Amino acid sequence: MKQPIISEKEITASIRSYLKAFKVFHWKVWQGLGSTPGVPDIIGIYRGKFLAIEVKTERGKLSPHQERFIQNINDAGGIAFVARCIDDVENNLHFKMGWK
């Protein structure tokens, strides 16, 4: 049986609910004309660390701007990654932020 394709909007909503459950201060970034290219979809701060999550569907691909933006955040000591599902968020935050 074929799995239904989950939209980026649905993935974003589930990630935001997860972050709210852990009381992570965050917000959704709305891109538009004049926006900085590559800014991740969800930005936040947790335990003094800058957090950035680029949300993609199972088949979604990062643009070169998005790849660079994520790399720049990580190089500067923040935490940035791509999430295609809640498991990606959980795995990255538990590993990188030391959640138990």
PDB file of N, CA and C in Angstrom:
ATOM      1  N   MET A   1       0.839  -1.185   0.000  1.00  0.00           N
ATOM      2  CA  MET A   1       0.000   0.000   0.000  1.00  0.00           C
ATOM      3  C   MET A   1       0.880   1.243   0.000  1.00  0.00           C
ATOM      4  N   LYS A   2       0.553   2.170  -0.832  1.00  0.00           N
ATOM      5  CA  LYS A   2       1.342   3.389  -0.988  1.00  0.00           C
ATOM      6  C   LYS A   2       1.082   4.360   0.166  1.00  0.00           C
ATOM      7  N   GLN A   3       2.169   4.891   0.745  1.00  0.00           N
ATOM      8  CA  GLN A   3       2.064   5.866   1.823  1.00  0.00           C
ATOM      9  C   GLN A   3       1.630   7.220   1.255  1.00  0.00           C
ATOM     10  N   PRO A   4       0.734   7.917   1.937  1.00  0.00           N
ATOM     11  CA  PRO A   4       0.359   9.257   1.453  1.00  0.00           C
ATOM     12  C   PRO A   4       1.538  10.213   1.614  1.00  0.00           C
ATOM     13  N   ILE A   5       1.661  11.137   0.684  1.00  0.00           N
ATOM     14  CA  ILE A   5       2.736  12.124   0.750  1.00  0.00           C
ATOM     15  C   ILE A   5       2.324  13.210   1.739  1.00  0.00           C
ATOM     16  N   ILE A   6       3.203  13.466   2.696  1.00  0.00           N
ATOM     17  CA  ILE A   6       2.934  14.483   3.705  1.00  0.00           C
ATOM     18  C   ILE A   6       3.496  15.810   3.195  1.00  0.00           C
ATOM     19  N   SER A   7       2.697  16.858   3.283  1.00  0.00           N
ATOM     20  CA  SER A   7       3.115  18.159   2.774  1.00  0.00           C
ATOM     21  C   SER A   7       4.098  18.832   3.723  1.00  0.00           C
ATOM     22  N   GLU A   8       4.833  19.796   3.188  1.00  0.00           N
ATOM     23  CA  GLU A   8       5.765  20.579   4.003  1.00  0.00           C
ATOM     24  C   GLU A   8       5.013  21.333   5.101  1.00  0.00           C
ATOM     25  N   LYS A   9       3.829  21.796   4.781  1.00  0.00           N
ATOM     26  CA  LYS A   9       3.001  22.495   5.769  1.00  0.00           C
ATOM     27  C   LYS A   9       2.669  21.579   6.953  1.00  0.00           C
ATOM     28  N   GLU A  10       2.312  20.333   6.665  1.00  0.00           N
ATOM     29  CA  GLU A  10       1.994  19.369   7.724  1.00  0.00           C
ATOM     30  C   GLU A  10       3.226  19.017   8.545  1.00  0.00           C
ATOM     31  N   ILE A  11       4.364  18.858   7.881  1.00  0.00           N
ATOM     32  CA  ILE A  11       5.610  18.552   8.589  1.00  0.00           C
ATOM     33  C   ILE A  11       5.976  19.721   9.503  1.00  0.00           C
ATOM     34  N   THR A  12       5.864  20.938   8.981  1.00  0.00           N
ATOM     35  CA  THR A  12       6.167  22.142   9.764  1.00  0.00           C
ATOM     36  C   THR A  12       5.278  22.206  11.006  1.00  0.00           C
ATOM     37  N   ALA A  13       3.989  21.969  10.844  1.00  0.00           N
ATOM     38  CA  ALA A  13       3.065  22.016  11.980  1.00  0.00           C
ATOM     39  C   ALA A  13       3.435  20.985  13.044  1.00  0.00           C
ATOM     40  N   SER A  14       3.808  19.791  12.626  1.00  0.00           N
ATOM     41  CA  SER A  14       4.170  18.756  13.598  1.00  0.00           C
ATOM     42  C   SER A  14       5.472  19.097  14.312  1.00  0.00           C
ATOM     43  N   ILE A  15       6.421  19.671  13.591  1.00  0.00           N
ATOM     44  CA  ILE A  15       7.686  20.078  14.210  1.00  0.00           C
ATOM     45  C   ILE A  15       7.428  21.190  15.220  1.00  0.00           C
ATOM     46  N   ARG A  16       6.612  22.153  14.861  1.00  0.00           N
ATOM     47  CA  ARG A  16       6.315  23.267  15.776  1.00  0.00           C
ATOM     48  C   ARG A  16       5.611  22.761  17.035  1.00  0.00           C
ATOM     49  N   SER A  17       4.723  21.802  16.897  1.00  0.00           N
ATOM     50  CA  SER A  17       4.057  21.208  18.070  1.00  0.00           C
ATOM     51  C   SER A  17       5.077  20.509  18.969  1.00  0.00           C
ATOM     52  N   TYR A  18       5.992  19.804  18.352  1.00  0.00           N
ATOM     53  CA  TYR A  18       7.046  19.113  19.093  1.00  0.00           C
ATOM     54  C   TYR A  18       7.896  20.126  19.865  1.00  0.00           C
ATOM     55  N   LEU A  19       8.316  21.195  19.193  1.00  0.00           N
ATOM     56  CA  LEU A  19       9.129  22.214  19.851  1.00  0.00           C
ATOM     57  C   LEU A  19       8.366  22.890  20.993  1.00  0.00           C
ATOM     58  N   LYS A  20       7.087  23.152  20.787  1.00  0.00           N
ATOM     59  CA  LYS A  20       6.257  23.747  21.842  1.00  0.00           C
ATOM     60  C   LYS A  20       6.189  22.831  23.057  1.00  0.00           C
ATOM     61  N   ALA A  21       6.081  21.532  22.824  1.00  0.00           N
ATOM     62  CA  ALA A  21       6.017  20.565  23.927  1.00  0.00           C
ATOM     63  C   ALA A  21       7.269  20.629  24.794  1.00  0.00           C
ATOM     64  N   PHE A  22       8.405  20.948  24.176  1.00  0.00           N
ATOM     65  CA  PHE A  22       9.668  21.065  24.908  1.00  0.00           C
ATOM     66  C   PHE A  22       9.991  22.512  25.281  1.00  0.00           C
ATOM     67  N   LYS A  23       8.993  23.403  25.088  1.00  0.00           N
ATOM     68  CA  LYS A  23       9.129  24.817  25.440  1.00  0.00           C
ATOM     69  C   LYS A  23      10.331  25.490  24.765  1.00  0.00           C
ATOM     70  N   VAL A  24      10.545  25.144  23.507  1.00  0.00           N
ATOM     71  CA  VAL A  24      11.603  25.766  22.717  1.00  0.00           C
ATOM     72  C   VAL A  24      11.039  27.033  22.084  1.00  0.00           C
ATOM     73  N   PHE A  25      11.652  28.183  22.378  1.00  0.00           N
ATOM     74  CA  PHE A  25      11.251  29.448  21.781  1.00  0.00           C
ATOM     75  C   PHE A  25      11.602  29.399  20.298  1.00  0.00           C
ATOM     76  N   HIS A  26      10.597  29.563  19.452  1.00  0.00           N
ATOM     77  CA  HIS A  26      10.826  29.456  18.004  1.00  0.00           C
ATOM     78  C   HIS A  26       9.721  30.186  17.248  1.00  0.00           C
ATOM     79  N   TRP A  27       9.936  30.358  15.963  1.00  0.00           N
ATOM     80  CA  TRP A  27       8.931  30.962  15.096  1.00  0.00           C
ATOM     81  C   TRP A  27       9.115  30.464  13.677  1.00  0.00           C
ATOM     82  N   LYS A  28       8.038  30.575  12.904  1.00  0.00           N
ATOM     83  CA  LYS A  28       8.053  30.204  11.491  1.00  0.00           C
ATOM     84  C   LYS A  28       8.485  31.419  10.687  1.00  0.00           C
ATOM     85  N   VAL A  29       9.407  31.219   9.785  1.00  0.00           N
ATOM     86  CA  VAL A  29       9.876  32.298   8.907  1.00  0.00           C
ATOM     87  C   VAL A  29       9.053  32.258   7.628  1.00  0.00           C
ATOM     88  N   TRP A  30       8.465  33.377   7.298  1.00  0.00           N
ATOM     89  CA  TRP A  30       7.687  33.495   6.061  1.00  0.00           C
ATOM     90  C   TRP A  30       8.542  34.215   5.026  1.00  0.00           C
ATOM     91  N   GLN A  31       8.837  33.548   3.934  1.00  0.00           N
ATOM     92  CA  GLN A  31       9.662  34.116   2.881  1.00  0.00           C
ATOM     93  C   GLN A  31       8.794  34.897   1.899  1.00  0.00           C
ATOM     94  N   GLY A  32       9.368  35.913   1.351  1.00  0.00           N
ATOM     95  CA  GLY A  32       8.670  36.710   0.358  1.00  0.00           C
ATOM     96  C   GLY A  32       9.662  37.519  -0.451  1.00  0.00           C
ATOM     97  N   LEU A  33       9.153  38.365  -1.292  1.00  0.00           N
ATOM     98  CA  LEU A  33       9.984  39.214  -2.116  1.00  0.00           C
ATOM     99  C   LEU A  33      10.900  40.051  -1.228  1.00  0.00           C
ATOM    100  N   GLY A  34      12.179  40.007  -1.485  1.00  0.00           N
ATOM    101  CA  GLY A  34      13.147  40.766  -0.704  1.00  0.00           C
ATOM    102  C   GLY A  34      13.723  40.005   0.472  1.00  0.00           C
ATOM    103  N   SER A  35      13.276  38.765   0.696  1.00  0.00           N
ATOM    104  CA  SER A  35      13.811  37.956   1.792  1.00  0.00           C
ATOM    105  C   SER A  35      15.238  37.507   1.477  1.00  0.00           C
ATOM    106  N   THR A  36      15.982  37.226   2.515  1.00  0.00           N
ATOM    107  CA  THR A  36      17.327  36.693   2.346  1.00  0.00           C
ATOM    108  C   THR A  36      17.227  35.250   1.854  1.00  0.00           C
ATOM    109  N   PRO A  37      17.873  34.911   0.748  1.00  0.00           N
ATOM    110  CA  PRO A  37      17.798  33.547   0.220  1.00  0.00           C
ATOM    111  C   PRO A  37      18.423  32.529   1.178  1.00  0.00           C
ATOM    112  N   GLY A  38      17.734  31.417   1.353  1.00  0.00           N
ATOM    113  CA  GLY A  38      18.280  30.312   2.127  1.00  0.00           C
ATOM    114  C   GLY A  38      17.912  30.288   3.593  1.00  0.00           C
ATOM    115  N   VAL A  39      17.212  31.306   4.102  1.00  0.00           N
ATOM    116  CA  VAL A  39      16.852  31.332   5.516  1.00  0.00           C
ATOM    117  C   VAL A  39      15.964  30.121   5.818  1.00  0.00           C
ATOM    118  N   PRO A  40      16.310  29.340   6.862  1.00  0.00           N
ATOM    119  CA  PRO A  40      15.507  28.158   7.192  1.00  0.00           C
ATOM    120  C   PRO A  40      14.067  28.495   7.588  1.00  0.00           C
ATOM    121  N   ASP A  41      13.211  27.488   7.521  1.00  0.00           N
ATOM    122  CA  ASP A  41      11.775  27.660   7.756  1.00  0.00           C
ATOM    123  C   ASP A  41      11.422  27.949   9.211  1.00  0.00           C
ATOM    124  N   ILE A  42      12.149  27.341  10.128  1.00  0.00           N
ATOM    125  CA  ILE A  42      11.877  27.515  11.552  1.00  0.00           C
ATOM    126  C   ILE A  42      13.159  27.998  12.221  1.00  0.00           C
ATOM    127  N   ILE A  43      13.037  29.075  12.983  1.00  0.00           N
ATOM    128  CA  ILE A  43      14.173  29.661  13.703  1.00  0.00           C
ATOM    129  C   ILE A  43      13.811  29.663  15.184  1.00  0.00           C
ATOM    130  N   GLY A  44      14.795  29.459  16.025  1.00  0.00           N
ATOM    131  CA  GLY A  44      14.531  29.482  17.459  1.00  0.00           C
ATOM    132  C   GLY A  44      15.803  29.601  18.266  1.00  0.00           C
ATOM    133  N   ILE A  45      15.609  29.583  19.572  1.00  0.00           N
ATOM    134  CA  ILE A  45      16.726  29.621  20.515  1.00  0.00           C
ATOM    135  C   ILE A  45      16.405  28.624  21.613  1.00  0.00           C
ATOM    136  N   TYR A  46      17.374  27.815  21.946  1.00  0.00           N
ATOM    137  CA  TYR A  46      17.190  26.873  23.041  1.00  0.00           C
ATOM    138  C   TYR A  46      18.488  26.744  23.812  1.00  0.00           C
ATOM    139  N   ARG A  47      18.403  26.989  25.123  1.00  0.00           N
ATOM    140  CA  ARG A  47      19.580  26.910  25.993  1.00  0.00           C
ATOM    141  C   ARG A  47      20.741  27.738  25.451  1.00  0.00           C
ATOM    142  N   GLY A  48      20.419  28.911  24.941  1.00  0.00           N
ATOM    143  CA  GLY A  48      21.441  29.828  24.458  1.00  0.00           C
ATOM    144  C   GLY A  48      21.993  29.518  23.087  1.00  0.00           C
ATOM    145  N   LYS A  49      21.455  28.517  22.427  1.00  0.00           N
ATOM    146  CA  LYS A  49      21.924  28.140  21.088  1.00  0.00           C
ATOM    147  C   LYS A  49      20.929  28.589  20.030  1.00  0.00           C
ATOM    148  N   PHE A  50      21.441  29.169  18.960  1.00  0.00           N
ATOM    149  CA  PHE A  50      20.624  29.516  17.802  1.00  0.00           C
ATOM    150  C   PHE A  50      20.210  28.220  17.120  1.00  0.00           C
ATOM    151  N   LEU A  51      18.944  28.081  16.817  1.00  0.00           N
ATOM    152  CA  LEU A  51      18.403  26.869  16.212  1.00  0.00           C
ATOM    153  C   LEU A  51      17.733  27.215  14.887  1.00  0.00           C
ATOM    154  N   ALA A  52      18.027  26.448  13.846  1.00  0.00           N
ATOM    155  CA  ALA A  52      17.415  26.668  12.539  1.00  0.00           C
ATOM    156  C   ALA A  52      17.087  25.312  11.914  1.00  0.00           C
ATOM    157  N   ILE A  53      15.841  25.182  11.482  1.00  0.00           N
ATOM    158  CA  ILE A  53      15.384  23.932  10.884  1.00  0.00           C
ATOM    159  C   ILE A  53      14.813  24.227   9.496  1.00  0.00           C
ATOM    160  N   GLU A  54      15.389  23.601   8.504  1.00  0.00           N
ATOM    161  CA  GLU A  54      14.868  23.686   7.135  1.00  0.00           C
ATOM    162  C   GLU A  54      13.950  22.488   6.933  1.00  0.00           C
ATOM    163  N   VAL A  55      12.695  22.732   6.667  1.00  0.00           N
ATOM    164  CA  VAL A  55      11.701  21.673   6.510  1.00  0.00           C
ATOM    165  C   VAL A  55      11.598  21.285   5.035  1.00  0.00           C
ATOM    166  N   LYS A  56      11.667  19.993   4.788  1.00  0.00           N
ATOM    167  CA  LYS A  56      11.541  19.467   3.425  1.00  0.00           C
ATOM    168  C   LYS A  56      10.672  18.220   3.444  1.00  0.00           C
ATOM    169  N   THR A  57       9.991  17.970   2.342  1.00  0.00           N
ATOM    170  CA  THR A  57       9.259  16.720   2.182  1.00  0.00           C
ATOM    171  C   THR A  57      10.272  15.610   1.916  1.00  0.00           C
ATOM    172  N   GLU A  58       9.769  14.404   1.839  1.00  0.00           N
ATOM    173  CA  GLU A  58      10.629  13.244   1.592  1.00  0.00           C
ATOM    174  C   GLU A  58      11.486  13.429   0.339  1.00  0.00           C
ATOM    175  N   ARG A  59      10.917  14.047  -0.683  1.00  0.00           N
ATOM    176  CA  ARG A  59      11.631  14.226  -1.956  1.00  0.00           C
ATOM    177  C   ARG A  59      12.212  15.626  -2.146  1.00  0.00           C
ATOM    178  N   GLY A  60      11.970  16.518  -1.194  1.00  0.00           N
ATOM    179  CA  GLY A  60      12.429  17.895  -1.326  1.00  0.00           C
ATOM    180  C   GLY A  60      13.949  18.006  -1.319  1.00  0.00           C
ATOM    181  N   LYS A  61      14.464  18.937  -2.099  1.00  0.00           N
ATOM    182  CA  LYS A  61      15.913  19.139  -2.200  1.00  0.00           C
ATOM    183  C   LYS A  61      16.280  20.539  -1.735  1.00  0.00           C
ATOM    184  N   LEU A  62      17.441  20.639  -1.108  1.00  0.00           N
ATOM    185  CA  LEU A  62      17.958  21.931  -0.670  1.00  0.00           C
ATOM    186  C   LEU A  62      18.509  22.710  -1.850  1.00  0.00           C
ATOM    187  N   SER A  63      18.282  24.005  -1.825  1.00  0.00           N
ATOM    188  CA  SER A  63      18.920  24.875  -2.811  1.00  0.00           C
ATOM    189  C   SER A  63      20.350  25.138  -2.345  1.00  0.00           C
ATOM    190  N   PRO A  64      21.224  25.589  -3.233  1.00  0.00           N
ATOM    191  CA  PRO A  64      22.586  25.952  -2.801  1.00  0.00           C
ATOM    192  C   PRO A  64      22.568  27.022  -1.697  1.00  0.00           C
ATOM    193  N   HIS A  65      21.637  27.979  -1.758  1.00  0.00           N
ATOM    194  CA  HIS A  65      21.526  29.002  -0.714  1.00  0.00           C
ATOM    195  C   HIS A  65      21.186  28.369   0.632  1.00  0.00           C
ATOM    196  N   GLN A  66      20.267  27.410   0.625  1.00  0.00           N
ATOM    197  CA  GLN A  66      19.875  26.741   1.859  1.00  0.00           C
ATOM    198  C   GLN A  66      21.032  25.930   2.434  1.00  0.00           C
ATOM    199  N   GLU A  67      21.750  25.218   1.579  1.00  0.00           N
ATOM    200  CA  GLU A  67      22.908  24.443   2.037  1.00  0.00           C
ATOM    201  C   GLU A  67      23.936  25.355   2.703  1.00  0.00           C
ATOM    202  N   ARG A  68      24.247  26.487   2.058  1.00  0.00           N
ATOM    203  CA  ARG A  68      25.218  27.437   2.609  1.00  0.00           C
ATOM    204  C   ARG A  68      24.745  28.036   3.923  1.00  0.00           C
ATOM    205  N   PHE A  69      23.468  28.395   3.989  1.00  0.00           N
ATOM    206  CA  PHE A  69      22.923  29.014   5.200  1.00  0.00           C
ATOM    207  C   PHE A  69      23.033  28.044   6.380  1.00  0.00           C
ATOM    208  N   ILE A  70      22.656  26.794   6.167  1.00  0.00           N
ATOM    209  CA  ILE A  70      22.758  25.777   7.220  1.00  0.00           C
ATOM    210  C   ILE A  70      24.210  25.597   7.646  1.00  0.00           C
ATOM    211  N   GLN A  71      25.111  25.517   6.684  1.00  0.00           N
ATOM    212  CA  GLN A  71      26.531  25.348   6.999  1.00  0.00           C
ATOM    213  C   GLN A  71      27.063  26.546   7.773  1.00  0.00           C
ATOM    214  N   ASN A  72      26.697  27.751   7.379  1.00  0.00           N
ATOM    215  CA  ASN A  72      27.150  28.960   8.078  1.00  0.00           C
ATOM    216  C   ASN A  72      26.679  28.979   9.532  1.00  0.00           C
ATOM    217  N   ILE A  73      25.442  28.577   9.776  1.00  0.00           N
ATOM    218  CA  ILE A  73      24.924  28.533  11.148  1.00  0.00           C
ATOM    219  C   ILE A  73      25.711  27.525  11.979  1.00  0.00           C
ATOM    220  N   ASN A  74      25.912  26.333  11.434  1.00  0.00           N
ATOM    221  CA  ASN A  74      26.673  25.315  12.165  1.00  0.00           C
ATOM    222  C   ASN A  74      28.116  25.752  12.405  1.00  0.00           C
ATOM    223  N   ASP A  75      28.730  26.375  11.407  1.00  0.00           N
ATOM    224  CA  ASP A  75      30.110  26.847  11.558  1.00  0.00           C
ATOM    225  C   ASP A  75      30.228  27.926  12.630  1.00  0.00           C
ATOM    226  N   ALA A  76      29.154  28.694  12.826  1.00  0.00           N
ATOM    227  CA  ALA A  76      29.159  29.784  13.807  1.00  0.00           C
ATOM    228  C   ALA A  76      28.772  29.302  15.210  1.00  0.00           C
ATOM    229  N   GLY A  77      28.543  28.007  15.375  1.00  0.00           N
ATOM    230  CA  GLY A  77      28.229  27.465  16.693  1.00  0.00           C
ATOM    231  C   GLY A  77      26.755  27.247  16.961  1.00  0.00           C
ATOM    232  N   GLY A  78      25.906  27.526  15.962  1.00  0.00           N
ATOM    233  CA  GLY A  78      24.484  27.263  16.118  1.00  0.00           C
ATOM    234  C   GLY A  78      24.163  25.838  15.729  1.00  0.00           C
ATOM    235  N   ILE A  79      22.898  25.546  15.722  1.00  0.00           N
ATOM    236  CA  ILE A  79      22.436  24.214  15.349  1.00  0.00           C
ATOM    237  C   ILE A  79      21.458  24.383  14.188  1.00  0.00           C
ATOM    238  N   ALA A  80      21.807  23.793  13.060  1.00  0.00           N
ATOM    239  CA  ALA A  80      20.956  23.886  11.874  1.00  0.00           C
ATOM    240  C   ALA A  80      20.961  22.540  11.167  1.00  0.00           C
ATOM    241  N   PHE A  81      19.790  22.160  10.683  1.00  0.00           N
ATOM    242  CA  PHE A  81      19.673  20.879   9.994  1.00  0.00           C
ATOM    243  C   PHE A  81      18.404  20.855   9.162  1.00  0.00           C
ATOM    244  N   VAL A  82      18.296  19.815   8.336  1.00  0.00           N
ATOM    245  CA  VAL A  82      17.106  19.584   7.514  1.00  0.00           C
ATOM    246  C   VAL A  82      16.243  18.572   8.240  1.00  0.00           C
ATOM    247  N   ALA A  83      14.940  18.822   8.283  1.00  0.00           N
ATOM    248  CA  ALA A  83      14.006  17.880   8.896  1.00  0.00           C
ATOM    249  C   ALA A  83      12.926  17.513   7.881  1.00  0.00           C
ATOM    250  N   ARG A  84      12.752  16.223   7.709  1.00  0.00           N
ATOM    251  CA  ARG A  84      11.715  15.708   6.823  1.00  0.00           C
ATOM    252  C   ARG A  84      10.589  15.054   7.628  1.00  0.00           C
ATOM    253  N   CYS A  85      10.832  14.923   8.941  1.00  0.00           N
ATOM    254  CA  CYS A  85       9.853  14.334   9.845  1.00  0.00           C
ATOM    255  C   CYS A  85      10.275  14.648  11.286  1.00  0.00           C
ATOM    256  N   ILE A  86       9.418  14.319  12.223  1.00  0.00           N
ATOM    257  CA  ILE A  86       9.706  14.551  13.643  1.00  0.00           C
ATOM    258  C   ILE A  86      10.958  13.796  14.079  1.00  0.00           C
ATOM    259  N   ASP A  87      11.153  12.594  13.568  1.00  0.00           N
ATOM    260  CA  ASP A  87      12.336  11.817  13.953  1.00  0.00           C
ATOM    261  C   ASP A  87      13.625  12.582  13.674  1.00  0.00           C
ATOM    262  N   ASP A  88      13.683  13.312  12.559  1.00  0.00           N
ATOM    263  CA  ASP A  88      14.878  14.098  12.240  1.00  0.00           C
ATOM    264  C   ASP A  88      15.117  15.170  13.297  1.00  0.00           C
ATOM    265  N   VAL A  89      14.045  15.809  13.751  1.00  0.00           N
ATOM    266  CA  VAL A  89      14.170  16.841  14.781  1.00  0.00           C
ATOM    267  C   VAL A  89      14.616  16.206  16.085  1.00  0.00           C
ATOM    268  N   GLU A  90      13.941  15.149  16.476  1.00  0.00           N
ATOM    269  CA  GLU A  90      14.278  14.472  17.726  1.00  0.00           C
ATOM    270  C   GLU A  90      15.731  14.003  17.725  1.00  0.00           C
ATOM    271  N   ASN A  91      16.151  13.373  16.641  1.00  0.00           N
ATOM    272  CA  ASN A  91      17.527  12.862  16.570  1.00  0.00           C
ATOM    273  C   ASN A  91      18.549  13.993  16.625  1.00  0.00           C
ATOM    274  N   ASN A  92      18.310  15.065  15.917  1.00  0.00           N
ATOM    275  CA  ASN A  92      19.258  16.183  15.916  1.00  0.00           C
ATOM    276  C   ASN A  92      19.284  16.923  17.242  1.00  0.00           C
ATOM    277  N   LEU A  93      18.143  17.153  17.843  1.00  0.00           N
ATOM    278  CA  LEU A  93      18.119  17.895  19.100  1.00  0.00           C
ATOM    279  C   LEU A  93      18.642  17.060  20.259  1.00  0.00           C
ATOM    280  N   HIS A  94      18.309  15.805  20.313  1.00  0.00           N
ATOM    281  CA  HIS A  94      18.818  14.966  21.391  1.00  0.00           C
ATOM    282  C   HIS A  94      20.324  14.843  21.291  1.00  0.00           C
ATOM    283  N   PHE A  95      20.812  14.646  20.104  1.00  0.00           N
ATOM    284  CA  PHE A  95      22.254  14.496  19.906  1.00  0.00           C
ATOM    285  C   PHE A  95      22.986  15.815  20.098  1.00  0.00           C
ATOM    286  N   LYS A  96      22.540  16.855  19.439  1.00  0.00           N
ATOM    287  CA  LYS A  96      23.268  18.108  19.436  1.00  0.00           C
ATOM    288  C   LYS A  96      23.031  18.958  20.662  1.00  0.00           C
ATOM    289  N   MET A  97      21.882  18.802  21.308  1.00  0.00           N
ATOM    290  CA  MET A  97      21.560  19.667  22.441  1.00  0.00           C
ATOM    291  C   MET A  97      21.586  18.927  23.766  1.00  0.00           C
ATOM    292  N   GLY A  98      21.837  17.645  23.728  1.00  0.00           N
ATOM    293  CA  GLY A  98      21.963  16.903  24.959  1.00  0.00           C
ATOM    294  C   GLY A  98      20.665  16.640  25.685  1.00  0.00           C
ATOM    295  N   TRP A  99      19.529  16.642  24.974  1.00  0.00           N
ATOM    296  CA  TRP A  99      18.267  16.308  25.625  1.00  0.00           C
ATOM    297  C   TRP A  99      18.335  14.855  26.048  1.00  0.00           C
ATOM    298  N   LYS A 100      17.685  14.546  27.115  1.00  0.00           N
ATOM    299  CA  LYS A 100      17.649  13.164  27.615  1.00  0.00           C
ATOM    300  C   LYS A 100      16.311  12.539  27.281  1.00  0.00           C
TER     301      LYS A 100
END
